[in-house]
Amino acid sequence: MEDVYRIQQRLYWEIDFIILCRERKKEGIGLCNLPYQTLSEEKKLLDLAYELYNDMEDSNTAYNVTLDLVIDETWKYIKDNPCWNMESEVDE
């Protein structure tokens, strides 16, 4: 049961991450350097973002605030690591 719960939790987190990323791109917030069209298929990127989320998660910080910070850190990581290889190209 616990494994199923963790898988489901991860899937819900990915949906929240993708929705917030797209909202921020639409509003022009941040670097907007992610492959938005294929974001749900970018497993390496989603793994990186989820790892950042787990590192940053704090019971005293609201979920959406942490998610915003994770997006910022993901953008920064990609910008600072030009050799970062995603499965598809970044939207321009």
Protein backbone atom coordinates (compact mmCIF):
# COMPACT_ATOMS: atom_id res chain seq x y z
CA MET A 1 0.00 0.00 0.00
CA GLU A 2 2.77 2.40 0.88
CA ASP A 3 4.42 1.98 -2.53
CA VAL A 4 1.13 2.68 -4.30
CA TYR A 5 0.65 5.79 -2.16
CA ARG A 6 4.15 7.08 -3.02
CA ILE A 7 3.61 6.49 -6.74
CA GLN A 8 0.26 8.28 -6.64
CA GLN A 9 1.74 11.15 -4.62
CA ARG A 10 4.54 11.54 -7.18
CA LEU A 11 2.06 11.60 -10.08
CA TYR A 12 -0.03 14.30 -8.39
CA TRP A 13 3.14 16.27 -7.68
CA GLU A 14 4.18 16.06 -11.35
CA ILE A 15 0.79 17.37 -12.44
CA ASP A 16 1.06 20.30 -10.01
CA PHE A 17 4.62 21.02 -11.15
CA ILE A 18 3.69 21.00 -14.85
CA ILE A 19 0.59 23.16 -14.35
CA LEU A 20 2.49 25.74 -12.30
CA CYS A 21 5.38 25.79 -14.79
CA ARG A 22 2.98 26.50 -17.65
CA GLU A 23 1.14 29.18 -15.63
CA ARG A 24 4.41 30.92 -14.83
CA LYS A 25 5.50 30.79 -18.50
CA LYS A 26 2.15 32.25 -19.56
CA GLU A 27 2.60 35.07 -17.03
CA GLY A 28 6.26 35.59 -18.03
CA ILE A 29 7.61 34.79 -14.57
CA GLY A 30 11.18 33.55 -14.32
CA LEU A 31 13.58 32.19 -16.92
CA CYS A 32 10.95 30.09 -18.75
CA ASN A 33 13.66 27.80 -20.14
CA LEU A 34 11.85 24.47 -19.93
CA PRO A 35 10.50 22.30 -22.78
CA TYR A 36 6.88 23.17 -22.04
CA GLN A 37 5.33 21.22 -24.93
CA THR A 38 6.87 17.93 -23.77
CA LEU A 39 7.28 18.62 -20.07
CA SER A 40 5.20 15.62 -19.00
CA GLU A 41 7.57 13.34 -20.96
CA GLU A 42 10.83 14.83 -19.64
CA LYS A 43 11.56 12.14 -17.05
CA LYS A 44 15.12 13.33 -16.28
CA LEU A 45 13.85 16.85 -15.70
CA LEU A 46 10.92 15.70 -13.58
CA ASP A 47 13.25 13.49 -11.55
CA LEU A 48 15.57 16.45 -10.96
CA ALA A 49 12.69 18.70 -9.93
CA TYR A 50 11.23 16.04 -7.62
CA GLU A 51 14.61 15.51 -6.00
CA LEU A 52 14.87 19.28 -5.44
CA TYR A 53 11.36 19.27 -4.00
CA ASN A 54 12.20 16.50 -1.55
CA ASP A 55 15.34 18.37 -0.48
CA MET A 56 13.44 21.65 -0.01
CA GLU A 57 10.20 20.33 1.45
CA ASP A 58 9.52 21.78 4.88
CA SER A 59 6.42 21.36 6.98
CA ASN A 60 6.58 25.06 7.89
CA THR A 61 6.45 26.21 4.25
CA ALA A 62 3.33 26.14 2.10
CA TYR A 63 3.29 23.55 -0.70
CA ASN A 64 2.87 26.15 -3.47
CA VAL A 65 5.71 28.28 -2.13
CA THR A 66 8.00 25.25 -2.15
CA LEU A 67 6.84 24.36 -5.65
CA ASP A 68 7.66 27.89 -6.85
CA LEU A 69 11.13 27.57 -5.32
CA VAL A 70 11.64 24.20 -7.02
CA ILE A 71 10.74 25.69 -10.40
CA ASP A 72 13.19 28.55 -9.83
CA GLU A 73 15.93 26.11 -8.85
CA THR A 74 15.18 23.87 -11.84
CA TRP A 75 15.46 26.84 -14.22
CA LYS A 76 18.68 27.90 -12.52
CA TYR A 77 20.13 24.39 -12.70
CA ILE A 78 19.45 24.15 -16.43
CA LYS A 79 20.88 27.64 -17.02
CA ASP A 80 24.03 26.92 -14.97
CA ASN A 81 24.61 23.51 -16.56
CA PRO A 82 24.73 24.01 -20.32
CA CYS A 83 25.53 20.33 -20.80
CA TRP A 84 22.23 19.38 -19.16
CA ASN A 85 20.56 17.01 -21.56
CA MET A 86 16.79 16.74 -21.69
CA GLU A 87 14.98 14.38 -24.03
CA SER A 88 13.79 17.26 -26.24
CA GLU A 89 14.75 20.82 -27.03
CA VAL A 90 13.81 23.77 -24.83
CA ASP A 91 11.02 26.00 -26.12
CA GLU A 92 12.18 29.36 -27.37
